[in-house]
PDB file of N, CA and C in Angstrom:
ATOM      1  N   MET A   1      11.736-240.138 111.917  1.00  0.00           N
ATOM      2  CA  MET A   1      11.045-240.936 110.911  1.00  0.00           C
ATOM      3  C   MET A   1      11.139-242.416 111.285  1.00  0.00           C
ATOM      4  N   SER A   2      10.138-243.190 110.932  1.00  0.00           N
ATOM      5  CA  SER A   2      10.122-244.612 111.285  1.00  0.00           C
ATOM      6  C   SER A   2      10.633-245.458 110.126  1.00  0.00           C
ATOM      7  N   LYS A   3      11.072-246.667 110.481  1.00  0.00           N
ATOM      8  CA  LYS A   3      11.574-247.601 109.484  1.00  0.00           C
ATOM      9  C   LYS A   3      10.946-248.958 109.734  1.00  0.00           C
ATOM     10  N   ARG A   4      10.516-249.595 108.644  1.00  0.00           N
ATOM     11  CA  ARG A   4       9.866-250.904 108.712  1.00  0.00           C
ATOM     12  C   ARG A   4      10.856-251.993 108.338  1.00  0.00           C
ATOM     13  N   LEU A   5      10.901-253.049 109.163  1.00  0.00           N
ATOM     14  CA  LEU A   5      11.801-254.172 108.935  1.00  0.00           C
ATOM     15  C   LEU A   5      11.004-255.429 108.622  1.00  0.00           C
ATOM     16  N   TYR A   6      11.516-256.196 107.674  1.00  0.00           N
ATOM     17  CA  TYR A   6      10.978-257.519 107.362  1.00  0.00           C
ATOM     18  C   TYR A   6      11.697-258.513 108.263  1.00  0.00           C
ATOM     19  N   VAL A   7      10.964-259.416 108.878  1.00  0.00           N
ATOM     20  CA  VAL A   7      11.546-260.457 109.731  1.00  0.00           C
ATOM     21  C   VAL A   7      11.076-261.803 109.188  1.00  0.00           C
ATOM     22  N   GLY A   8      12.010-262.580 108.634  1.00  0.00           N
ATOM     23  CA  GLY A   8      11.662-263.856 108.024  1.00  0.00           C
ATOM     24  C   GLY A   8      12.218-265.045 108.771  1.00  0.00           C
ATOM     25  N   ASN A   9      11.753-266.220 108.393  1.00  0.00           N
ATOM     26  CA  ASN A   9      12.146-267.502 108.986  1.00  0.00           C
ATOM     27  C   ASN A   9      11.789-267.562 110.472  1.00  0.00           C
ATOM     28  N   LEU A  10      10.653-266.966 110.805  1.00  0.00           N
ATOM     29  CA  LEU A  10      10.195-266.986 112.195  1.00  0.00           C
ATOM     30  C   LEU A  10       9.631-268.360 112.557  1.00  0.00           C
ATOM     31  N   PRO A  11       9.845-268.794 113.778  1.00  0.00           N
ATOM     32  CA  PRO A  11       9.158-270.011 114.234  1.00  0.00           C
ATOM     33  C   PRO A  11       7.649-269.764 114.183  1.00  0.00           C
ATOM     34  N   PHE A  12       6.884-270.794 113.876  1.00  0.00           N
ATOM     35  CA  PHE A  12       5.442-270.638 113.723  1.00  0.00           C
ATOM     36  C   PHE A  12       4.751-270.296 115.045  1.00  0.00           C
ATOM     37  N   SER A  13       5.436-270.478 116.149  1.00  0.00           N
ATOM     38  CA  SER A  13       4.852-270.155 117.456  1.00  0.00           C
ATOM     39  C   SER A  13       4.941-268.662 117.784  1.00  0.00           C
ATOM     40  N   VAL A  14       5.724-267.887 117.025  1.00  0.00           N
ATOM     41  CA  VAL A  14       5.887-266.456 117.305  1.00  0.00           C
ATOM     42  C   VAL A  14       4.671-265.697 116.787  1.00  0.00           C
ATOM     43  N   ASN A  15       4.039-264.945 117.692  1.00  0.00           N
ATOM     44  CA  ASN A  15       2.914-264.095 117.308  1.00  0.00           C
ATOM     45  C   ASN A  15       3.356-262.634 117.357  1.00  0.00           C
ATOM     46  N   ALA A  16       2.444-261.710 117.109  1.00  0.00           N
ATOM     47  CA  ALA A  16       2.778-260.287 117.061  1.00  0.00           C
ATOM     48  C   ALA A  16       3.330-259.783 118.397  1.00  0.00           C
ATOM     49  N   GLU A  17       2.748-260.239 119.494  1.00  0.00           N
ATOM     50  CA  GLU A  17       3.225-259.804 120.817  1.00  0.00           C
ATOM     51  C   GLU A  17       4.661-260.268 121.073  1.00  0.00           C
ATOM     52  N   LYS A  18       4.957-261.512 120.732  1.00  0.00           N
ATOM     53  CA  LYS A  18       6.307-262.049 120.910  1.00  0.00           C
ATOM     54  C   LYS A  18       7.299-261.307 120.015  1.00  0.00           C
ATOM     55  N   LEU A  19       6.891-260.990 118.787  1.00  0.00           N
ATOM     56  CA  LEU A  19       7.750-260.259 117.862  1.00  0.00           C
ATOM     57  C   LEU A  19       8.051-258.859 118.409  1.00  0.00           C
ATOM     58  N   LYS A  20       7.032-258.220 118.939  1.00  0.00           N
ATOM     59  CA  LYS A  20       7.204-256.893 119.545  1.00  0.00           C
ATOM     60  C   LYS A  20       8.166-256.970 120.732  1.00  0.00           C
ATOM     61  N   GLU A  21       8.020-258.007 121.532  1.00  0.00           N
ATOM     62  CA  GLU A  21       8.889-258.221 122.692  1.00  0.00           C
ATOM     63  C   GLU A  21      10.354-258.418 122.262  1.00  0.00           C
ATOM     64  N   LEU A  22      10.569-259.186 121.182  1.00  0.00           N
ATOM     65  CA  LEU A  22      11.929-259.450 120.696  1.00  0.00           C
ATOM     66  C   LEU A  22      12.649-258.178 120.265  1.00  0.00           C
ATOM     67  N   PHE A  23      11.913-257.232 119.675  1.00  0.00           N
ATOM     68  CA  PHE A  23      12.534-256.028 119.123  1.00  0.00           C
ATOM     69  C   PHE A  23      12.423-254.809 120.033  1.00  0.00           C
ATOM     70  N   SER A  24      11.699-254.905 121.130  1.00  0.00           N
ATOM     71  CA  SER A  24      11.492-253.745 122.008  1.00  0.00           C
ATOM     72  C   SER A  24      12.778-253.251 122.667  1.00  0.00           C
ATOM     73  N   ALA A  25      13.794-254.092 122.755  1.00  0.00           N
ATOM     74  CA  ALA A  25      15.065-253.670 123.352  1.00  0.00           C
ATOM     75  C   ALA A  25      15.778-252.628 122.491  1.00  0.00           C
ATOM     76  N   TYR A  26      15.380-252.492 121.233  1.00  0.00           N
ATOM     77  CA  TYR A  26      16.067-251.580 120.314  1.00  0.00           C
ATOM     78  C   TYR A  26      15.393-250.227 120.183  1.00  0.00           C
ATOM     79  N   GLY A  27      14.256-250.044 120.824  1.00  0.00           N
ATOM     80  CA  GLY A  27      13.581-248.753 120.767  1.00  0.00           C
ATOM     81  C   GLY A  27      12.077-248.922 120.782  1.00  0.00           C
ATOM     82  N   GLN A  28      11.407-247.808 120.541  1.00  0.00           N
ATOM     83  CA  GLN A  28       9.954-247.804 120.569  1.00  0.00           C
ATOM     84  C   GLN A  28       9.406-248.466 119.307  1.00  0.00           C
ATOM     85  N   ILE A  29       8.527-249.432 119.522  1.00  0.00           N
ATOM     86  CA  ILE A  29       7.906-250.163 118.422  1.00  0.00           C
ATOM     87  C   ILE A  29       6.596-249.472 118.056  1.00  0.00           C
ATOM     88  N   GLU A  30       6.494-249.074 116.804  1.00  0.00           N
ATOM     89  CA  GLU A  30       5.271-248.459 116.312  1.00  0.00           C
ATOM     90  C   GLU A  30       4.230-249.526 115.964  1.00  0.00           C
ATOM     91  N   GLU A  31       4.724-250.619 115.351  1.00  0.00           N
ATOM     92  CA  GLU A  31       3.830-251.697 114.936  1.00  0.00           C
ATOM     93  C   GLU A  31       4.624-252.991 114.801  1.00  0.00           C
ATOM     94  N   ALA A  32       4.009-254.102 115.149  1.00  0.00           N
ATOM     95  CA  ALA A  32       4.597-255.427 114.949  1.00  0.00           C
ATOM     96  C   ALA A  32       3.485-256.353 114.481  1.00  0.00           C
ATOM     97  N   THR A  33       3.702-256.993 113.327  1.00  0.00           N
ATOM     98  CA  THR A  33       2.691-257.894 112.787  1.00  0.00           C
ATOM     99  C   THR A  33       3.346-259.181 112.303  1.00  0.00           C
ATOM    100  N   VAL A  34       2.630-260.282 112.459  1.00  0.00           N
ATOM    101  CA  VAL A  34       3.037-261.568 111.908  1.00  0.00           C
ATOM    102  C   VAL A  34       1.982-261.916 110.862  1.00  0.00           C
ATOM    103  N   VAL A  35       2.427-262.256 109.655  1.00  0.00           N
ATOM    104  CA  VAL A  35       1.509-262.566 108.570  1.00  0.00           C
ATOM    105  C   VAL A  35       0.991-263.994 108.749  1.00  0.00           C
ATOM    106  N   ILE A  36      -0.329-264.141 108.630  1.00  0.00           N
ATOM    107  CA  ILE A  36      -0.963-265.447 108.861  1.00  0.00           C
ATOM    108  C   ILE A  36      -1.807-265.854 107.654  1.00  0.00           C
ATOM    109  N   PHE A  37      -2.038-267.152 107.525  1.00  0.00           N
ATOM    110  CA  PHE A  37      -2.946-267.672 106.512  1.00  0.00           C
ATOM    111  C   PHE A  37      -4.368-267.331 106.947  1.00  0.00           C
ATOM    112  N   LYS A  38      -5.165-266.804 106.033  1.00  0.00           N
ATOM    113  CA  LYS A  38      -6.542-266.419 106.374  1.00  0.00           C
ATOM    114  C   LYS A  38      -7.403-267.613 106.762  1.00  0.00           C
ATOM    115  N   ASP A  39      -7.248-268.713 106.035  1.00  0.00           N
ATOM    116  CA  ASP A  39      -8.141-269.850 106.264  1.00  0.00           C
ATOM    117  C   ASP A  39      -7.817-270.646 107.522  1.00  0.00           C
ATOM    118  N   THR A  40      -6.536-270.722 107.906  1.00  0.00           N
ATOM    119  CA  THR A  40      -6.168-271.537 109.070  1.00  0.00           C
ATOM    120  C   THR A  40      -5.779-270.711 110.291  1.00  0.00           C
ATOM    121  N   GLY A  41      -5.392-269.456 110.089  1.00  0.00           N
ATOM    122  CA  GLY A  41      -4.933-268.631 111.197  1.00  0.00           C
ATOM    123  C   GLY A  41      -3.509-268.946 111.626  1.00  0.00           C
ATOM    124  N   ARG A  42      -2.830-269.823 110.874  1.00  0.00           N
ATOM    125  CA  ARG A  42      -1.453-270.215 111.196  1.00  0.00           C
ATOM    126  C   ARG A  42      -0.469-269.208 110.598  1.00  0.00           C
ATOM    127  N   SER A  43       0.626-268.981 111.284  1.00  0.00           N
ATOM    128  CA  SER A  43       1.662-268.057 110.835  1.00  0.00           C
ATOM    129  C   SER A  43       2.282-268.531 109.526  1.00  0.00           C
ATOM    130  N   LYS A  44       2.619-267.577 108.653  1.00  0.00           N
ATOM    131  CA  LYS A  44       3.331-267.886 107.414  1.00  0.00           C
ATOM    132  C   LYS A  44       4.845-267.901 107.638  1.00  0.00           C
ATOM    133  N   GLY A  45       5.281-267.576 108.849  1.00  0.00           N
ATOM    134  CA  GLY A  45       6.703-267.636 109.171  1.00  0.00           C
ATOM    135  C   GLY A  45       7.455-266.342 108.905  1.00  0.00           C
ATOM    136  N   PHE A  46       6.727-265.241 108.703  1.00  0.00           N
ATOM    137  CA  PHE A  46       7.391-263.951 108.557  1.00  0.00           C
ATOM    138  C   PHE A  46       6.482-262.846 109.064  1.00  0.00           C
ATOM    139  N   GLY A  47       7.086-261.690 109.302  1.00  0.00           N
ATOM    140  CA  GLY A  47       6.322-260.564 109.802  1.00  0.00           C
ATOM    141  C   GLY A  47       7.066-259.269 109.586  1.00  0.00           C
ATOM    142  N   PHE A  48       6.539-258.201 110.174  1.00  0.00           N
ATOM    143  CA  PHE A  48       7.119-256.874 110.014  1.00  0.00           C
ATOM    144  C   PHE A  48       7.138-256.160 111.350  1.00  0.00           C
ATOM    145  N   VAL A  49       8.197-255.386 111.566  1.00  0.00           N
ATOM    146  CA  VAL A  49       8.330-254.568 112.769  1.00  0.00           C
ATOM    147  C   VAL A  49       8.668-253.157 112.315  1.00  0.00           C
ATOM    148  N   THR A  50       7.945-252.171 112.841  1.00  0.00           N
ATOM    149  CA  THR A  50       8.229-250.776 112.535  1.00  0.00           C
ATOM    150  C   THR A  50       8.737-250.101 113.794  1.00  0.00           C
ATOM    151  N   LEU A  51       9.981-249.610 113.727  1.00  0.00           N
ATOM    152  CA  LEU A  51      10.567-248.864 114.840  1.00  0.00           C
ATOM    153  C   LEU A  51      10.479-247.377 114.523  1.00  0.00           C
ATOM    154  N   THR A  52      10.277-246.557 115.552  1.00  0.00           N
ATOM    155  CA  THR A  52      10.056-245.128 115.338  1.00  0.00           C
ATOM    156  C   THR A  52      11.321-244.377 114.937  1.00  0.00           C
ATOM    157  N   ASP A  53      12.492-244.894 115.260  1.00  0.00           N
ATOM    158  CA  ASP A  53      13.749-244.213 114.964  1.00  0.00           C
ATOM    159  C   ASP A  53      14.584-245.030 113.972  1.00  0.00           C
ATOM    160  N   ASP A  54      15.050-244.390 112.907  1.00  0.00           N
ATOM    161  CA  ASP A  54      15.824-245.085 111.871  1.00  0.00           C
ATOM    162  C   ASP A  54      17.125-245.692 112.404  1.00  0.00           C
ATOM    163  N   ALA A  55      17.829-244.953 113.259  1.00  0.00           N
ATOM    164  CA  ALA A  55      19.107-245.444 113.794  1.00  0.00           C
ATOM    165  C   ALA A  55      18.880-246.703 114.643  1.00  0.00           C
ATOM    166  N   GLN A  56      17.816-246.695 115.428  1.00  0.00           N
ATOM    167  CA  GLN A  56      17.492-247.870 116.244  1.00  0.00           C
ATOM    168  C   GLN A  56      17.092-249.048 115.366  1.00  0.00           C
ATOM    169  N   ALA A  57      16.377-248.765 114.287  1.00  0.00           N
ATOM    170  CA  ALA A  57      15.974-249.823 113.358  1.00  0.00           C
ATOM    171  C   ALA A  57      17.203-250.431 112.684  1.00  0.00           C
ATOM    172  N   ASP A  58      18.155-249.591 112.313  1.00  0.00           N
ATOM    173  CA  ASP A  58      19.396-250.093 111.700  1.00  0.00           C
ATOM    174  C   ASP A  58      20.159-250.984 112.668  1.00  0.00           C
ATOM    175  N   LYS A  59      20.217-250.567 113.932  1.00  0.00           N
ATOM    176  CA  LYS A  59      20.900-251.366 114.945  1.00  0.00           C
ATOM    177  C   LYS A  59      20.179-252.696 115.156  1.00  0.00           C
ATOM    178  N   ALA A  60      18.860-252.660 115.207  1.00  0.00           N
ATOM    179  CA  ALA A  60      18.068-253.885 115.369  1.00  0.00           C
ATOM    180  C   ALA A  60      18.304-254.827 114.194  1.00  0.00           C
ATOM    181  N   GLN A  61      18.361-254.280 112.987  1.00  0.00           N
ATOM    182  CA  GLN A  61      18.595-255.096 111.793  1.00  0.00           C
ATOM    183  C   GLN A  61      19.954-255.782 111.865  1.00  0.00           C
ATOM    184  N   GLN A  62      20.984-255.037 112.229  1.00  0.00           N
ATOM    185  CA  GLN A  62      22.341-255.589 112.309  1.00  0.00           C
ATOM    186  C   GLN A  62      22.451-256.669 113.378  1.00  0.00           C
ATOM    187  N   GLU A  63      21.876-256.424 114.532  1.00  0.00           N
ATOM    188  CA  GLU A  63      22.037-257.353 115.655  1.00  0.00           C
ATOM    189  C   GLU A  63      21.085-258.545 115.618  1.00  0.00           C
ATOM    190  N   MET A  64      19.908-258.367 115.043  1.00  0.00           N
ATOM    191  CA  MET A  64      18.926-259.453 115.040  1.00  0.00           C
ATOM    192  C   MET A  64      19.040-260.360 113.815  1.00  0.00           C
ATOM    193  N   ASN A  65      19.604-259.865 112.726  1.00  0.00           N
ATOM    194  CA  ASN A  65      19.742-260.690 111.518  1.00  0.00           C
ATOM    195  C   ASN A  65      20.664-261.872 111.808  1.00  0.00           C
ATOM    196  N   GLY A  66      20.157-263.075 111.600  1.00  0.00           N
ATOM    197  CA  GLY A  66      20.927-264.284 111.848  1.00  0.00           C
ATOM    198  C   GLY A  66      20.805-264.821 113.268  1.00  0.00           C
ATOM    199  N   LYS A  67      20.102-264.099 114.134  1.00  0.00           N
ATOM    200  CA  LYS A  67      19.936-264.548 115.517  1.00  0.00           C
ATOM    201  C   LYS A  67      19.031-265.773 115.550  1.00  0.00           C
ATOM    202  N   GLU A  68      19.340-266.708 116.447  1.00  0.00           N
ATOM    203  CA  GLU A  68      18.550-267.928 116.566  1.00  0.00           C
ATOM    204  C   GLU A  68      17.404-267.716 117.552  1.00  0.00           C
ATOM    205  N   ILE A  69      16.201-267.979 117.065  1.00  0.00           N
ATOM    206  CA  ILE A  69      14.996-267.894 117.883  1.00  0.00           C
ATOM    207  C   ILE A  69      14.299-269.248 117.797  1.00  0.00           C
ATOM    208  N   GLU A  70      14.185-269.927 118.929  1.00  0.00           N
ATOM    209  CA  GLU A  70      13.541-271.246 119.007  1.00  0.00           C
ATOM    210  C   GLU A  70      14.074-272.207 117.937  1.00  0.00           C
ATOM    211  N   GLY A  71      15.380-272.191 117.752  1.00  0.00           N
ATOM    212  CA  GLY A  71      16.014-273.128 116.830  1.00  0.00           C
ATOM    213  C   GLY A  71      16.029-272.696 115.375  1.00  0.00           C
ATOM    214  N   ARG A  72      15.559-271.498 115.069  1.00  0.00           N
ATOM    215  CA  ARG A  72      15.549-271.007 113.685  1.00  0.00           C
ATOM    216  C   ARG A  72      16.330-269.708 113.592  1.00  0.00           C
ATOM    217  N   GLN A  73      17.159-269.594 112.553  1.00  0.00           N
ATOM    218  CA  GLN A  73      17.922-268.369 112.325  1.00  0.00           C
ATOM    219  C   GLN A  73      17.049-267.386 111.561  1.00  0.00           C
ATOM    220  N   ILE A  74      16.678-266.292 112.217  1.00  0.00           N
ATOM    221  CA  ILE A  74      15.789-265.331 111.566  1.00  0.00           C
ATOM    222  C   ILE A  74      16.565-264.439 110.603  1.00  0.00           C
ATOM    223  N   LYS A  75      15.846-263.918 109.627  1.00  0.00           N
ATOM    224  CA  LYS A  75      16.393-262.985 108.640  1.00  0.00           C
ATOM    225  C   LYS A  75      15.725-261.639 108.872  1.00  0.00           C
ATOM    226  N   VAL A  76      16.536-260.587 108.974  1.00  0.00           N
ATOM    227  CA  VAL A  76      15.990-259.247 109.188  1.00  0.00           C
ATOM    228  C   VAL A  76      16.566-258.317 108.123  1.00  0.00           C
ATOM    229  N   ASN A  77      15.684-257.712 107.347  1.00  0.00           N
ATOM    230  CA  ASN A  77      16.061-256.760 106.294  1.00  0.00           C
ATOM    231  C   ASN A  77      15.111-255.578 106.336  1.00  0.00           C
ATOM    232  N   GLU A  78      15.521-254.495 105.685  1.00  0.00           N
ATOM    233  CA  GLU A  78      14.608-253.375 105.546  1.00  0.00           C
ATOM    234  C   GLU A  78      13.481-253.816 104.609  1.00  0.00           C
ATOM    235  N   ALA A  79      12.261-253.550 105.006  1.00  0.00           N
ATOM    236  CA  ALA A  79      11.107-253.981 104.214  1.00  0.00           C
ATOM    237  C   ALA A  79      10.987-253.130 102.956  1.00  0.00           C
ATOM    238  N   ALA A  80      10.734-253.798 101.835  1.00  0.00           N
ATOM    239  CA  ALA A  80      10.497-253.099 100.574  1.00  0.00           C
ATOM    240  C   ALA A  80       8.996-252.903 100.423  1.00  0.00           C
ATOM    241  N   PRO A  81       8.575-251.764  99.901  1.00  0.00           N
ATOM    242  CA  PRO A  81       7.133-251.562  99.726  1.00  0.00           C
ATOM    243  C   PRO A  81       6.561-252.556  98.723  1.00  0.00           C
ATOM    244  N   PHE A  82       5.345-253.002  98.965  1.00  0.00           N
ATOM    245  CA  PHE A  82       4.700-253.974  98.090  1.00  0.00           C
ATOM    246  C   PHE A  82       4.301-253.299  96.791  1.00  0.00           C
ATOM    247  N   ASP A  83       4.670-253.915  95.672  1.00  0.00           N
ATOM    248  CA  ASP A  83       4.316-253.423  94.344  1.00  0.00           C
ATOM    249  C   ASP A  83       3.430-254.470  93.680  1.00  0.00           C
ATOM    250  N   PRO A  84       2.125-254.205  93.556  1.00  0.00           N
ATOM    251  CA  PRO A  84       1.231-255.215  92.983  1.00  0.00           C
ATOM    252  C   PRO A  84       1.514-255.517  91.512  1.00  0.00           C
ATOM    253  N   ASP A  85       2.215-254.628  90.816  1.00  0.00           N
ATOM    254  CA  ASP A  85       2.524-254.840  89.400  1.00  0.00           C
ATOM    255  C   ASP A  85       3.773-255.677  89.184  1.00  0.00           C
ATOM    256  N   LYS A  86       4.572-255.830  90.215  1.00  0.00           N
ATOM    257  CA  LYS A  86       5.819-256.603  90.099  1.00  0.00           C
ATOM    258  C   LYS A  86       5.487-258.088  90.098  1.00  0.00           C
ATOM    259  N   PRO A  87       6.031-258.857  89.134  1.00  0.00           N
ATOM    260  CA  PRO A  87       5.772-260.297  89.142  1.00  0.00           C
ATOM    261  C   PRO A  87       6.361-260.941  90.389  1.00  0.00           C
ATOM    262  N   ARG A  88       5.603-261.845  90.991  1.00  0.00           N
ATOM    263  CA  ARG A  88       6.062-262.507  92.205  1.00  0.00           C
ATOM    264  C   ARG A  88       6.720-263.824  91.856  1.00  0.00           C
ATOM    265  N   GLU A  89       7.698-264.203  92.672  1.00  0.00           N
ATOM    266  CA  GLU A  89       8.407-265.467  92.475  1.00  0.00           C
ATOM    267  C   GLU A  89       7.452-266.621  92.719  1.00  0.00           C
ATOM    268  N   ARG A  90       7.456-267.563  91.798  1.00  0.00           N
ATOM    269  CA  ARG A  90       6.620-268.754  91.952  1.00  0.00           C
ATOM    270  C   ARG A  90       7.456-269.827  92.622  1.00  0.00           C
ATOM    271  N   ARG A  91       6.938-270.366  93.680  1.00  0.00           N
ATOM    272  CA  ARG A  91       7.645-271.437  94.366  1.00  0.00           C
ATOM    273  C   ARG A  91       7.028-272.752  93.991  1.00  0.00           C
ATOM    274  N   GLY A  92       7.787-273.832  94.183  1.00  0.00           N
ATOM    275  CA  GLY A  92       7.319-275.172  93.838  1.00  0.00           C
ATOM    276  C   GLY A  92       6.044-275.542  94.546  1.00  0.00           C
ATOM    277  N   GLY A  93       5.943-276.698  94.986  1.00  0.00           N
ATOM    278  CA  GLY A  93       4.726-277.197  95.587  1.00  0.00           C
ATOM    279  C   GLY A  93       4.267-278.390  94.785  1.00  0.00           C
ATOM    280  N   PHE A  94       2.983-278.553  94.682  1.00  0.00           N
ATOM    281  CA  PHE A  94       2.459-279.694  93.955  1.00  0.00           C
ATOM    282  C   PHE A  94       2.426-279.454  92.454  1.00  0.00           C
ATOM    283  N   GLY A  95       2.801-278.271  92.002  1.00  0.00           N
ATOM    284  CA  GLY A  95       2.671-277.924  90.601  1.00  0.00           C
ATOM    285  C   GLY A  95       3.749-278.447  89.696  1.00  0.00           C
ATOM    286  N   GLY A  96       4.698-279.157  90.162  1.00  0.00           N
ATOM    287  CA  GLY A  96       5.690-279.731  89.264  1.00  0.00           C
ATOM    288  C   GLY A  96       7.081-279.242  89.555  1.00  0.00           C
ATOM    289  N   GLY A  97       7.484-278.136  88.944  1.00  0.00           N
ATOM    290  CA  GLY A  97       8.862-277.687  89.088  1.00  0.00           C
ATOM    291  C   GLY A  97       9.748-278.523  88.190  1.00  0.00           C
ATOM    292  N   ARG A  98      10.957-278.802  88.594  1.00  0.00           N
ATOM    293  CA  ARG A  98      11.861-279.623  87.793  1.00  0.00           C
ATOM    294  C   ARG A  98      11.369-281.059  87.734  1.00  0.00           C
ATOM    295  N   GLY A  99      11.471-281.672  86.609  1.00  0.00           N
ATOM    296  CA  GLY A  99      11.131-283.089  86.510  1.00  0.00           C
ATOM    297  C   GLY A  99       9.715-283.364  86.061  1.00  0.00           C
ATOM    298  N   GLY A 100       8.997-282.361  85.647  1.00  0.00           N
ATOM    299  CA  GLY A 100       7.668-282.619  85.109  1.00  0.00           C
ATOM    300  C   GLY A 100       6.572-282.102  86.006  1.00  0.00           C
ATOM    301  N   GLY A 101       5.371-282.276  85.549  1.00  0.00           N
ATOM    302  CA  GLY A 101       4.218-281.750  86.270  1.00  0.00           C
ATOM    303  C   GLY A 101       3.532-282.817  87.069  1.00  0.00           C
ATOM    304  N   GLY A 102       2.266-282.649  87.186  1.00  0.00           N
ATOM    305  CA  GLY A 102       1.486-283.616  87.956  1.00  0.00           C
ATOM    306  C   GLY A 102       1.375-283.197  89.401  1.00  0.00           C
ATOM    307  N   ARG A 103       0.528-283.850  90.100  1.00  0.00           N
ATOM    308  CA  ARG A 103       0.272-283.471  91.485  1.00  0.00           C
ATOM    309  C   ARG A 103       1.493-283.646  92.368  1.00  0.00           C
ATOM    310  N   PHE A 104       2.286-284.680  92.158  1.00  0.00           N
ATOM    311  CA  PHE A 104       3.432-284.921  93.026  1.00  0.00           C
ATOM    312  C   PHE A 104       4.750-284.797  92.276  1.00  0.00           C
ATOM    313  N   GLY A 105       4.778-284.062  91.166  1.00  0.00           N
ATOM    314  CA  GLY A 105       6.012-283.898  90.414  1.00  0.00           C
ATOM    315  C   GLY A 105       6.217-285.059  89.469  1.00  0.00           C
ATOM    316  N   GLY A 106       7.297-284.988  88.723  1.00  0.00           N
ATOM    317  CA  GLY A 106       7.547-286.016  87.712  1.00  0.00           C
ATOM    318  C   GLY A 106       8.308-287.197  88.275  1.00  0.00           C
ATOM    319  N   GLY A 107       8.637-288.117  87.404  1.00  0.00           N
ATOM    320  CA  GLY A 107       9.461-289.246  87.800  1.00  0.00           C
ATOM    321  C   GLY A 107       8.704-290.403  88.405  1.00  0.00           C
ATOM    322  N   ARG A 108       7.382-290.403  88.340  1.00  0.00           N
ATOM    323  CA  ARG A 108       6.622-291.506  88.923  1.00  0.00           C
ATOM    324  C   ARG A 108       6.573-292.685  87.962  1.00  0.00           C
ATOM    325  N   ARG A 109       6.528-293.863  88.497  1.00  0.00           N
ATOM    326  CA  ARG A 109       6.385-295.070  87.686  1.00  0.00           C
ATOM    327  C   ARG A 109       4.912-295.283  87.363  1.00  0.00           C
ATOM    328  N   PRO A 110       4.617-295.973  86.259  1.00  0.00           N
ATOM    329  CA  PRO A 110       3.209-296.223  85.918  1.00  0.00           C
ATOM    330  C   PRO A 110       2.538-297.098  86.971  1.00  0.00           C
ATOM    331  N   PHE A 111       1.255-296.890  87.113  1.00  0.00           N
ATOM    332  CA  PHE A 111       0.458-297.657  88.067  1.00  0.00           C
ATOM    333  C   PHE A 111       0.076-299.001  87.444  1.00  0.00           C
ATOM    334  N   ASN A 112       0.225-300.077  88.179  1.00  0.00           N
ATOM    335  CA  ASN A 112      -0.103-301.409  87.676  1.00  0.00           C
ATOM    336  C   ASN A 112      -1.152-302.012  88.614  1.00  0.00           C
ATOM    337  N   ARG A 113      -2.407-302.041  88.168  1.00  0.00           N
ATOM    338  CA  ARG A 113      -3.499-302.525  89.021  1.00  0.00           C
ATOM    339  C   ARG A 113      -3.345-304.001  89.393  1.00  0.00           C
ATOM    340  N   SER A 114      -2.779-304.816  88.500  1.00  0.00           N
ATOM    341  CA  SER A 114      -2.665-306.247  88.788  1.00  0.00           C
ATOM    342  C   SER A 114      -1.715-306.501  89.956  1.00  0.00           C
ATOM    343  N   PHE A 115      -0.768-305.630  90.129  1.00  0.00           N
ATOM    344  CA  PHE A 115       0.165-305.781  91.235  1.00  0.00           C
ATOM    345  C   PHE A 115      -0.351-305.073  92.488  1.00  0.00           C
ATOM    346  N   GLY A 116      -1.297-304.138  92.293  1.00  0.00           N
ATOM    347  CA  GLY A 116      -1.848-303.405  93.433  1.00  0.00           C
ATOM    348  C   GLY A 116      -1.027-302.185  93.784  1.00  0.00           C
ATOM    349  N   GLY A 117      -0.214-301.744  92.878  1.00  0.00           N
ATOM    350  CA  GLY A 117       0.605-300.569  93.153  1.00  0.00           C
ATOM    351  C   GLY A 117       1.410-300.196  91.936  1.00  0.00           C
ATOM    352  N   ARG A 118       2.512-299.534  92.150  1.00  0.00           N
ATOM    353  CA  ARG A 118       3.354-299.122  91.044  1.00  0.00           C
ATOM    354  C   ARG A 118       4.114-300.303  90.475  1.00  0.00           C
ATOM    355  N   ARG A 119       4.388-300.237  89.204  1.00  0.00           N
ATOM    356  CA  ARG A 119       5.168-301.287  88.563  1.00  0.00           C
ATOM    357  C   ARG A 119       6.620-301.136  89.008  1.00  0.00           C
ATOM    358  N   ASP A 120       7.210-302.198  89.452  1.00  0.00           N
ATOM    359  CA  ASP A 120       8.627-302.196  89.822  1.00  0.00           C
ATOM    360  C   ASP A 120       9.202-303.576  89.567  1.00  0.00           C
ATOM    361  N   ASP A 121      10.383-303.853  90.074  1.00  0.00           N
ATOM    362  CA  ASP A 121      11.064-305.125  89.805  1.00  0.00           C
ATOM    363  C   ASP A 121      10.271-306.335  90.304  1.00  0.00           C
ATOM    364  N   ARG A 122       9.424-306.168  91.307  1.00  0.00           N
ATOM    365  CA  ARG A 122       8.683-307.282  91.880  1.00  0.00           C
ATOM    366  C   ARG A 122       7.458-307.661  91.060  1.00  0.00           C
ATOM    367  N   SER A 123       7.126-306.871  90.043  1.00  0.00           N
ATOM    368  CA  SER A 123       5.891-307.113  89.314  1.00  0.00           C
ATOM    369  C   SER A 123       5.979-308.295  88.360  1.00  0.00           C
ATOM    370  N   GLY A 124       7.149-308.840  88.143  1.00  0.00           N
ATOM    371  CA  GLY A 124       7.304-309.964  87.244  1.00  0.00           C
ATOM    372  C   GLY A 124       7.484-309.545  85.797  1.00  0.00           C
ATOM    373  N   SER A 125       7.453-308.262  85.557  1.00  0.00           N
ATOM    374  CA  SER A 125       7.637-307.759  84.208  1.00  0.00           C
ATOM    375  C   SER A 125       9.112-307.582  83.934  1.00  0.00           C
ATOM    376  N   SER A 126       9.502-307.849  82.687  1.00  0.00           N
ATOM    377  CA  SER A 126      10.914-307.701  82.341  1.00  0.00           C
ATOM    378  C   SER A 126      11.271-306.283  81.965  1.00  0.00           C
ATOM    379  N   ASP A 127      10.255-305.470  81.652  1.00  0.00           N
ATOM    380  CA  ASP A 127      10.562-304.073  81.293  1.00  0.00           C
ATOM    381  C   ASP A 127      10.468-303.198  82.536  1.00  0.00           C
ATOM    382  N   ASN A 128      11.568-302.595  82.894  1.00  0.00           N
ATOM    383  CA  ASN A 128      11.620-301.741  84.077  1.00  0.00           C
ATOM    384  C   ASN A 128      11.418-300.296  83.684  1.00  0.00           C
ATOM    385  N   PHE A 129      10.699-299.586  84.484  1.00  0.00           N
ATOM    386  CA  PHE A 129      10.445-298.182  84.207  1.00  0.00           C
ATOM    387  C   PHE A 129      11.224-297.321  85.131  1.00  0.00           C
TER     388      PHE A 129
END
């Protein structure tokens, strides 16, 4: 029986062929894929490797987890099947997170057109934000 492994924190230069090459020492590779952004074709930094033998997959997981590839420590775990009904973790980004919302998060000072930028100590105002 085959076992599928999740491989995370991959360098963006690693493609499916390189991923297959990295894991081929542990046995026969059934499939190796690197997940990419559809619009740019750039790697998302993770992929999957399916080895045909469970024992070989377990050995690959133990030995490859934490290994440094091109300056990045990769993470290797047994892949969990995708469940479309399971809520997915929301990660930060431009949506706010801690400290408020807005495009660049909270904590911004008000814009002062007369100064040509944000209001700060140099604006001549006695009220500091």
